[in-house]
């Protein structure tokens, strides 16, 4: 299955002149639930679903504690997680910086080797909302929205106004 996208045109003012720019924007994706993830890991490995859930729950707890302690969580091929500090700027000549300027941290994820490889091998498919999904489409056995015959290029469709 490919990553699906649609085209969006936005207006921007550049040097006083309004210009239209067209961008590819990812469409909504299906979610792989925790239960589905557990079932997939159970099928691939020799670990029971209860054990997989227990490990994931424990990992979640350990990760939260380690990130809150200011540590980076390195999960190998999956990647690394860390918190970054955020704050509002203190006004020059005004009040000095204080703890009240601090905001909740953001979580930063840096993909590992396996995730980077998957991203490098990912393919795209143009999502055409006017086209109904076909479950018998040999190019798309899952019957997901999109048009695999376009090869990801909406301009290759005759009459396309994208």
N, C-alpha and C. Protein backbone atom coordinates (compact mmCIF):
# COMPACT_ATOMS: atom_id res chain seq x y z
N UNK A 1 0.84 -1.16 0.00
CA UNK A 1 0.00 0.00 0.00
C UNK A 1 0.89 1.24 0.00
N UNK A 2 0.47 2.25 -0.69
CA UNK A 2 1.25 3.47 -0.82
C UNK A 2 0.72 4.57 0.09
N UNK A 3 1.54 5.57 0.31
CA UNK A 3 1.11 6.76 1.02
C UNK A 3 0.27 7.58 0.05
N UNK A 4 -0.92 7.98 0.47
CA UNK A 4 -1.78 8.74 -0.44
C UNK A 4 -1.68 10.22 -0.15
N UNK A 5 -1.81 10.99 -1.21
CA UNK A 5 -1.74 12.45 -1.08
C UNK A 5 -2.76 13.10 -1.99
N UNK A 6 -3.06 14.34 -1.70
CA UNK A 6 -3.91 15.15 -2.56
C UNK A 6 -3.18 16.46 -2.80
N UNK A 7 -3.62 17.22 -3.78
CA UNK A 7 -2.99 18.48 -4.09
C UNK A 7 -3.81 19.62 -3.50
N UNK A 8 -3.13 20.58 -2.91
CA UNK A 8 -3.77 21.74 -2.30
C UNK A 8 -3.07 22.98 -2.85
N UNK A 9 -3.85 23.96 -3.28
CA UNK A 9 -3.29 25.22 -3.75
C UNK A 9 -3.51 26.28 -2.69
N UNK A 10 -2.43 26.98 -2.35
CA UNK A 10 -2.50 28.03 -1.34
C UNK A 10 -1.96 29.31 -1.93
N UNK A 11 -2.51 30.44 -1.46
CA UNK A 11 -2.05 31.75 -1.91
C UNK A 11 -1.06 32.30 -0.90
N UNK A 12 0.05 32.82 -1.42
CA UNK A 12 1.06 33.46 -0.60
C UNK A 12 1.42 34.79 -1.23
N UNK A 13 1.74 35.76 -0.40
CA UNK A 13 2.20 37.05 -0.89
C UNK A 13 3.72 37.05 -0.85
N UNK A 14 4.31 37.19 -2.03
CA UNK A 14 5.75 37.21 -2.16
C UNK A 14 6.14 38.55 -2.79
N UNK A 15 6.87 39.37 -2.03
CA UNK A 15 7.31 40.68 -2.49
C UNK A 15 6.14 41.51 -2.99
N UNK A 16 5.05 41.48 -2.24
CA UNK A 16 3.87 42.27 -2.56
C UNK A 16 2.98 41.67 -3.64
N UNK A 17 3.36 40.56 -4.22
CA UNK A 17 2.59 39.93 -5.29
C UNK A 17 1.98 38.62 -4.77
N UNK A 18 0.67 38.44 -5.00
CA UNK A 18 0.00 37.22 -4.57
C UNK A 18 0.26 36.13 -5.60
N UNK A 19 0.79 35.00 -5.11
CA UNK A 19 1.08 33.87 -6.00
C UNK A 19 0.42 32.62 -5.44
N UNK A 20 0.00 31.74 -6.34
CA UNK A 20 -0.56 30.45 -5.96
C UNK A 20 0.53 29.39 -6.03
N UNK A 21 0.61 28.60 -4.98
CA UNK A 21 1.55 27.49 -4.94
C UNK A 21 0.76 26.21 -4.68
N UNK A 22 1.10 25.15 -5.40
CA UNK A 22 0.43 23.86 -5.22
C UNK A 22 1.36 22.92 -4.48
N UNK A 23 0.81 22.28 -3.44
CA UNK A 23 1.57 21.38 -2.59
C UNK A 23 0.89 20.02 -2.53
N UNK A 24 1.69 18.99 -2.32
CA UNK A 24 1.15 17.67 -2.01
C UNK A 24 0.94 17.62 -0.50
N UNK A 25 -0.25 17.17 -0.09
CA UNK A 25 -0.59 17.06 1.33
C UNK A 25 -1.07 15.64 1.57
N UNK A 26 -0.54 15.00 2.61
CA UNK A 26 -0.94 13.63 2.92
C UNK A 26 -2.42 13.58 3.27
N UNK A 27 -3.08 12.55 2.80
CA UNK A 27 -4.48 12.33 3.15
C UNK A 27 -4.53 11.54 4.45
N UNK A 28 -5.70 11.50 5.06
CA UNK A 28 -5.83 10.76 6.30
C UNK A 28 -5.50 9.29 6.06
N UNK A 29 -4.78 8.73 7.02
CA UNK A 29 -4.37 7.33 6.92
C UNK A 29 -5.16 6.51 7.94
N UNK A 30 -5.26 5.23 7.67
CA UNK A 30 -5.87 4.33 8.64
C UNK A 30 -4.93 4.16 9.82
N UNK A 31 -5.50 3.91 10.98
CA UNK A 31 -4.72 3.73 12.20
C UNK A 31 -4.55 2.24 12.46
N UNK A 32 -3.32 1.85 12.79
CA UNK A 32 -3.06 0.49 13.25
C UNK A 32 -3.20 0.54 14.77
N UNK A 33 -4.28 0.01 15.29
CA UNK A 33 -4.57 0.10 16.72
C UNK A 33 -3.57 -0.70 17.55
N UNK A 34 -3.58 -0.45 18.83
CA UNK A 34 -2.71 -1.21 19.73
C UNK A 34 -3.03 -2.70 19.66
N UNK A 35 -4.32 -3.03 19.64
CA UNK A 35 -4.72 -4.44 19.56
C UNK A 35 -4.22 -5.09 18.27
N UNK A 36 -4.30 -4.35 17.16
CA UNK A 36 -3.83 -4.88 15.88
C UNK A 36 -2.31 -5.03 15.90
N UNK A 37 -1.61 -4.07 16.49
CA UNK A 37 -0.15 -4.14 16.60
C UNK A 37 0.26 -5.36 17.42
N UNK A 38 -0.43 -5.57 18.53
CA UNK A 38 -0.14 -6.72 19.39
C UNK A 38 -0.36 -8.02 18.61
N UNK A 39 -1.45 -8.11 17.88
CA UNK A 39 -1.75 -9.32 17.10
C UNK A 39 -0.68 -9.55 16.02
N UNK A 40 -0.22 -8.49 15.36
CA UNK A 40 0.80 -8.63 14.33
C UNK A 40 2.12 -9.10 14.93
N UNK A 41 2.52 -8.51 16.05
CA UNK A 41 3.77 -8.92 16.70
C UNK A 41 3.66 -10.36 17.17
N UNK A 42 2.50 -10.74 17.70
CA UNK A 42 2.29 -12.11 18.17
C UNK A 42 2.45 -13.11 17.03
N UNK A 43 1.92 -12.77 15.84
CA UNK A 43 2.01 -13.68 14.69
C UNK A 43 3.44 -13.82 14.18
N UNK A 44 4.22 -12.74 14.25
CA UNK A 44 5.58 -12.74 13.70
C UNK A 44 6.57 -13.35 14.67
N UNK A 45 6.33 -13.17 15.96
CA UNK A 45 7.29 -13.65 16.96
C UNK A 45 6.73 -14.85 17.71
N UNK A 46 7.51 -15.34 18.65
CA UNK A 46 7.08 -16.48 19.47
C UNK A 46 6.54 -16.00 20.81
N UNK A 47 6.10 -14.75 20.88
CA UNK A 47 5.64 -14.15 22.13
C UNK A 47 4.11 -14.07 22.10
N UNK A 48 3.49 -14.35 23.24
CA UNK A 48 2.02 -14.31 23.31
C UNK A 48 1.52 -12.87 23.30
N UNK A 49 0.26 -12.70 22.98
CA UNK A 49 -0.31 -11.35 22.92
C UNK A 49 -0.27 -10.67 24.29
N UNK A 50 -0.48 -11.43 25.36
CA UNK A 50 -0.42 -10.86 26.71
C UNK A 50 0.97 -10.36 27.04
N UNK A 51 1.99 -11.11 26.61
CA UNK A 51 3.37 -10.69 26.84
C UNK A 51 3.71 -9.44 26.04
N UNK A 52 3.24 -9.38 24.79
CA UNK A 52 3.49 -8.20 23.95
C UNK A 52 2.86 -6.98 24.58
N UNK A 53 1.61 -7.10 25.02
CA UNK A 53 0.92 -5.96 25.64
C UNK A 53 1.63 -5.54 26.91
N UNK A 54 2.07 -6.49 27.71
CA UNK A 54 2.79 -6.18 28.94
C UNK A 54 4.08 -5.42 28.65
N UNK A 55 4.82 -5.84 27.63
CA UNK A 55 6.07 -5.17 27.27
C UNK A 55 5.78 -3.76 26.77
N UNK A 56 4.77 -3.60 25.93
CA UNK A 56 4.44 -2.26 25.42
C UNK A 56 3.98 -1.32 26.53
N UNK A 57 3.16 -1.84 27.45
CA UNK A 57 2.73 -1.02 28.60
C UNK A 57 3.92 -0.61 29.46
N UNK A 58 4.81 -1.55 29.70
CA UNK A 58 5.99 -1.27 30.51
C UNK A 58 6.91 -0.29 29.80
N UNK A 59 7.11 -0.46 28.50
CA UNK A 59 7.93 0.46 27.72
C UNK A 59 7.37 1.87 27.78
N UNK A 60 6.06 1.99 27.68
CA UNK A 60 5.41 3.31 27.76
C UNK A 60 5.72 3.97 29.09
N UNK A 61 5.61 3.22 30.17
CA UNK A 61 5.89 3.75 31.51
C UNK A 61 7.36 4.13 31.66
N UNK A 62 8.26 3.24 31.23
CA UNK A 62 9.70 3.50 31.33
C UNK A 62 10.06 4.73 30.50
N UNK A 63 9.52 4.82 29.29
CA UNK A 63 9.83 5.95 28.42
C UNK A 63 9.38 7.26 29.05
N UNK A 64 8.17 7.30 29.58
CA UNK A 64 7.66 8.52 30.20
C UNK A 64 8.57 8.96 31.35
N UNK A 65 8.99 8.01 32.17
CA UNK A 65 9.86 8.34 33.31
C UNK A 65 11.23 8.82 32.86
N UNK A 66 11.81 8.16 31.86
CA UNK A 66 13.14 8.54 31.40
C UNK A 66 13.12 9.89 30.69
N UNK A 67 12.11 10.15 29.87
CA UNK A 67 12.01 11.44 29.20
C UNK A 67 11.81 12.56 30.22
N UNK A 68 10.98 12.31 31.22
CA UNK A 68 10.74 13.32 32.26
C UNK A 68 12.01 13.60 33.05
N UNK A 69 12.92 12.63 33.11
CA UNK A 69 14.19 12.81 33.82
C UNK A 69 15.24 13.47 32.93
N UNK A 70 14.85 13.83 31.69
CA UNK A 70 15.77 14.52 30.79
C UNK A 70 16.67 13.60 29.98
N UNK A 71 16.34 12.32 29.94
CA UNK A 71 17.16 11.36 29.20
C UNK A 71 16.60 11.15 27.80
N UNK A 72 17.45 10.70 26.91
CA UNK A 72 17.06 10.33 25.55
C UNK A 72 16.77 8.84 25.56
N UNK A 73 15.65 8.42 24.99
CA UNK A 73 15.31 7.00 24.89
C UNK A 73 15.75 6.49 23.51
N UNK A 74 16.75 5.63 23.49
CA UNK A 74 17.24 5.04 22.26
C UNK A 74 16.63 3.65 22.13
N UNK A 75 15.79 3.47 21.11
CA UNK A 75 15.12 2.19 20.89
C UNK A 75 15.65 1.48 19.64
N UNK A 76 16.95 1.63 19.40
CA UNK A 76 17.60 0.92 18.31
C UNK A 76 17.07 1.30 16.94
N UNK A 77 16.72 0.29 16.16
CA UNK A 77 16.24 0.53 14.79
C UNK A 77 14.93 1.31 14.74
N UNK A 78 14.19 1.31 15.84
CA UNK A 78 12.95 2.09 15.88
C UNK A 78 13.27 3.58 15.89
N UNK A 79 14.26 4.00 16.68
CA UNK A 79 14.65 5.40 16.72
C UNK A 79 14.84 5.90 18.14
N UNK A 80 14.97 7.21 18.25
CA UNK A 80 15.21 7.86 19.53
C UNK A 80 14.10 8.86 19.82
N UNK A 81 13.79 8.99 21.11
CA UNK A 81 12.81 9.96 21.57
C UNK A 81 13.48 10.86 22.60
N UNK A 82 13.12 12.15 22.61
CA UNK A 82 13.63 13.07 23.62
C UNK A 82 12.65 14.22 23.78
N UNK A 83 12.72 14.88 24.91
CA UNK A 83 11.96 16.10 25.15
C UNK A 83 12.83 17.29 24.78
N UNK A 84 12.21 18.34 24.27
CA UNK A 84 12.91 19.60 24.05
C UNK A 84 12.22 20.69 24.85
N UNK A 85 13.01 21.62 25.36
CA UNK A 85 12.46 22.72 26.14
C UNK A 85 11.82 23.74 25.21
N UNK A 86 10.75 24.34 25.71
CA UNK A 86 10.05 25.40 24.98
C UNK A 86 9.77 26.52 25.97
N UNK A 87 9.77 27.73 25.45
CA UNK A 87 9.47 28.86 26.34
C UNK A 87 8.97 30.05 25.53
N UNK A 88 8.35 30.97 26.24
CA UNK A 88 8.00 32.25 25.67
C UNK A 88 9.19 33.17 25.92
N UNK A 89 9.46 34.05 25.00
CA UNK A 89 10.58 34.97 25.16
C UNK A 89 10.26 36.00 26.23
N UNK A 90 11.28 36.39 26.96
CA UNK A 90 11.14 37.49 27.92
C UNK A 90 11.33 38.78 27.14
N UNK A 91 10.52 39.77 27.43
CA UNK A 91 10.61 41.04 26.71
C UNK A 91 11.89 41.78 27.10
N UNK A 92 12.52 42.33 26.09
CA UNK A 92 13.74 43.10 26.33
C UNK A 92 13.41 44.34 27.14
N UNK A 93 14.16 44.58 28.17
CA UNK A 93 13.92 45.74 29.01
C UNK A 93 12.74 45.56 29.96
N UNK A 94 12.06 44.44 29.83
CA UNK A 94 10.92 44.17 30.70
C UNK A 94 11.31 43.21 31.79
N UNK A 95 10.37 42.37 32.15
CA UNK A 95 10.63 41.38 33.19
C UNK A 95 11.70 40.40 32.73
N UNK A 96 12.51 39.94 33.66
CA UNK A 96 13.53 38.94 33.37
C UNK A 96 12.86 37.60 33.13
N UNK A 97 13.58 36.71 32.48
CA UNK A 97 13.07 35.37 32.22
C UNK A 97 12.83 34.65 33.54
N UNK A 98 11.68 33.99 33.64
CA UNK A 98 11.37 33.23 34.84
C UNK A 98 10.76 31.89 34.44
N UNK A 99 10.52 31.05 35.43
CA UNK A 99 9.94 29.73 35.17
C UNK A 99 8.56 29.84 34.51
N UNK A 100 7.88 30.95 34.72
CA UNK A 100 6.55 31.11 34.11
C UNK A 100 6.63 31.24 32.59
N UNK A 101 7.83 31.52 32.06
CA UNK A 101 8.01 31.58 30.61
C UNK A 101 8.10 30.18 29.99
N UNK A 102 8.38 29.18 30.81
CA UNK A 102 8.52 27.82 30.30
C UNK A 102 7.17 27.24 29.91
N UNK A 103 7.17 26.47 28.84
CA UNK A 103 5.98 25.78 28.34
C UNK A 103 6.22 24.28 28.41
N UNK A 104 5.16 23.49 28.31
CA UNK A 104 5.37 22.03 28.32
C UNK A 104 6.32 21.62 27.19
N UNK A 105 7.18 20.65 27.45
CA UNK A 105 8.15 20.24 26.41
C UNK A 105 7.46 19.55 25.24
N UNK A 106 8.15 19.56 24.13
CA UNK A 106 7.71 18.80 22.95
C UNK A 106 8.49 17.51 22.92
N UNK A 107 7.88 16.49 22.35
CA UNK A 107 8.57 15.22 22.16
C UNK A 107 9.13 15.19 20.75
N UNK A 108 10.43 14.94 20.65
CA UNK A 108 11.09 14.86 19.36
C UNK A 108 11.40 13.40 19.09
N UNK A 109 11.06 12.95 17.89
CA UNK A 109 11.34 11.58 17.47
C UNK A 109 12.32 11.64 16.30
N UNK A 110 13.40 10.90 16.41
CA UNK A 110 14.38 10.78 15.33
C UNK A 110 14.36 9.33 14.89
N UNK A 111 13.94 9.07 13.66
CA UNK A 111 13.81 7.68 13.21
C UNK A 111 15.14 6.93 13.22
N UNK A 112 15.05 5.64 13.50
CA UNK A 112 16.21 4.76 13.46
C UNK A 112 16.38 4.17 12.07
N UNK A 113 17.33 3.28 11.97
CA UNK A 113 17.70 2.69 10.67
C UNK A 113 16.53 2.01 9.97
N UNK A 114 15.76 1.20 10.68
CA UNK A 114 14.65 0.47 10.06
C UNK A 114 13.57 1.42 9.56
N UNK A 115 13.28 2.46 10.32
CA UNK A 115 12.25 3.42 9.93
C UNK A 115 12.73 4.27 8.76
N UNK A 116 14.01 4.66 8.77
CA UNK A 116 14.58 5.42 7.66
C UNK A 116 14.55 4.60 6.37
N UNK A 117 14.85 3.32 6.48
CA UNK A 117 14.82 2.44 5.31
C UNK A 117 13.39 2.33 4.78
N UNK A 118 12.43 2.16 5.67
CA UNK A 118 11.03 2.09 5.24
C UNK A 118 10.60 3.38 4.56
N UNK A 119 11.04 4.53 5.07
CA UNK A 119 10.70 5.82 4.45
C UNK A 119 11.33 5.95 3.07
N UNK A 120 12.56 5.48 2.94
CA UNK A 120 13.25 5.55 1.65
C UNK A 120 12.57 4.67 0.60
N UNK A 121 11.93 3.60 1.05
CA UNK A 121 11.29 2.66 0.12
C UNK A 121 9.79 2.93 -0.06
N UNK A 122 9.27 3.94 0.63
CA UNK A 122 7.84 4.24 0.54
C UNK A 122 7.48 4.74 -0.85
N UNK A 123 6.25 4.45 -1.26
CA UNK A 123 5.77 4.94 -2.55
C UNK A 123 4.56 5.82 -2.32
N UNK A 124 4.22 6.61 -3.32
CA UNK A 124 3.09 7.52 -3.23
C UNK A 124 2.01 7.15 -4.23
N UNK A 125 0.79 7.47 -3.88
CA UNK A 125 -0.35 7.26 -4.76
C UNK A 125 -1.25 8.49 -4.66
N UNK A 126 -1.64 9.03 -5.80
CA UNK A 126 -2.50 10.21 -5.81
C UNK A 126 -3.92 9.81 -5.42
N UNK A 127 -4.49 10.55 -4.48
CA UNK A 127 -5.86 10.30 -4.01
C UNK A 127 -6.81 11.15 -4.82
N UNK A 128 -7.71 10.49 -5.51
CA UNK A 128 -8.74 11.18 -6.29
C UNK A 128 -10.07 10.95 -5.60
N UNK A 129 -10.61 11.99 -4.90
CA UNK A 129 -11.86 11.81 -4.15
C UNK A 129 -13.06 11.51 -5.03
N UNK A 130 -12.98 11.77 -6.33
CA UNK A 130 -14.11 11.49 -7.22
C UNK A 130 -14.15 10.04 -7.65
N UNK A 131 -13.08 9.31 -7.39
CA UNK A 131 -13.01 7.92 -7.80
C UNK A 131 -13.38 7.00 -6.64
N UNK A 132 -14.27 6.07 -6.86
CA UNK A 132 -14.67 5.12 -5.83
C UNK A 132 -13.63 4.02 -5.72
N UNK A 133 -13.37 3.58 -4.48
CA UNK A 133 -12.40 2.49 -4.32
C UNK A 133 -12.90 1.21 -4.97
N UNK A 134 -11.98 0.51 -5.63
CA UNK A 134 -12.33 -0.75 -6.27
C UNK A 134 -11.57 -1.87 -5.58
N UNK A 135 -12.30 -2.80 -5.00
CA UNK A 135 -11.64 -3.89 -4.28
C UNK A 135 -11.03 -4.91 -5.23
N UNK A 136 -11.44 -4.90 -6.51
CA UNK A 136 -10.89 -5.86 -7.46
C UNK A 136 -9.80 -5.25 -8.34
N UNK A 137 -9.29 -4.09 -7.97
CA UNK A 137 -8.23 -3.45 -8.72
C UNK A 137 -6.92 -4.20 -8.46
N UNK A 138 -6.32 -4.84 -9.47
CA UNK A 138 -5.10 -5.62 -9.24
C UNK A 138 -3.93 -4.77 -8.76
N UNK A 139 -3.92 -3.49 -9.09
CA UNK A 139 -2.83 -2.62 -8.64
C UNK A 139 -3.00 -2.23 -7.18
N UNK A 140 -4.21 -2.43 -6.63
CA UNK A 140 -4.49 -2.05 -5.25
C UNK A 140 -5.40 -3.11 -4.63
N UNK A 141 -4.83 -4.23 -4.17
CA UNK A 141 -5.63 -5.34 -3.66
C UNK A 141 -6.41 -5.00 -2.39
N UNK A 142 -6.04 -3.96 -1.67
CA UNK A 142 -6.75 -3.60 -0.45
C UNK A 142 -7.98 -2.75 -0.70
N UNK A 143 -8.19 -2.30 -1.93
CA UNK A 143 -9.36 -1.51 -2.25
C UNK A 143 -9.35 -0.14 -1.59
N UNK A 144 -8.16 0.42 -1.39
CA UNK A 144 -8.07 1.73 -0.75
C UNK A 144 -8.26 2.83 -1.78
N UNK A 145 -8.67 4.02 -1.31
CA UNK A 145 -8.85 5.12 -2.24
C UNK A 145 -7.54 5.46 -2.94
N UNK A 146 -7.67 5.96 -4.13
CA UNK A 146 -6.48 6.36 -4.88
C UNK A 146 -6.52 5.77 -6.26
N UNK A 147 -5.57 6.12 -7.05
CA UNK A 147 -5.52 5.63 -8.42
C UNK A 147 -4.09 5.19 -8.70
N UNK A 148 -3.83 3.91 -8.53
CA UNK A 148 -2.48 3.38 -8.72
C UNK A 148 -2.03 3.47 -10.16
N UNK A 149 -2.97 3.51 -11.11
CA UNK A 149 -2.60 3.56 -12.51
C UNK A 149 -1.99 4.90 -12.88
N UNK A 150 -2.15 5.91 -12.01
CA UNK A 150 -1.59 7.22 -12.32
C UNK A 150 -0.12 7.30 -11.97
N UNK A 151 0.38 6.30 -11.27
CA UNK A 151 1.78 6.29 -10.91
C UNK A 151 2.16 7.43 -10.00
N UNK A 152 1.20 7.95 -9.26
CA UNK A 152 1.50 9.01 -8.32
C UNK A 152 1.57 10.39 -8.95
N UNK A 153 1.35 10.51 -10.25
CA UNK A 153 1.44 11.80 -10.92
C UNK A 153 0.06 12.21 -11.41
N UNK A 154 -0.61 13.14 -10.71
CA UNK A 154 -1.95 13.52 -11.10
C UNK A 154 -1.99 14.20 -12.45
N UNK A 155 -0.89 14.78 -12.91
CA UNK A 155 -0.89 15.45 -14.20
C UNK A 155 -0.93 14.47 -15.35
N UNK A 156 -0.73 13.17 -15.08
CA UNK A 156 -0.76 12.18 -16.15
C UNK A 156 -2.18 11.75 -16.49
N UNK A 157 -3.15 12.21 -15.70
CA UNK A 157 -4.54 11.87 -15.96
C UNK A 157 -5.10 12.84 -16.99
N UNK A 158 -5.67 12.32 -18.11
CA UNK A 158 -6.25 13.22 -19.11
C UNK A 158 -7.36 14.06 -18.48
N UNK A 159 -7.36 15.33 -18.82
CA UNK A 159 -8.41 16.22 -18.31
C UNK A 159 -8.20 16.65 -16.87
N UNK A 160 -7.05 16.32 -16.32
CA UNK A 160 -6.78 16.68 -14.92
C UNK A 160 -6.56 18.17 -14.81
N UNK A 161 -7.20 18.78 -13.82
CA UNK A 161 -7.03 20.22 -13.63
C UNK A 161 -6.19 20.49 -12.40
N UNK A 162 -5.41 19.53 -11.95
CA UNK A 162 -4.58 19.71 -10.75
C UNK A 162 -3.37 20.48 -11.14
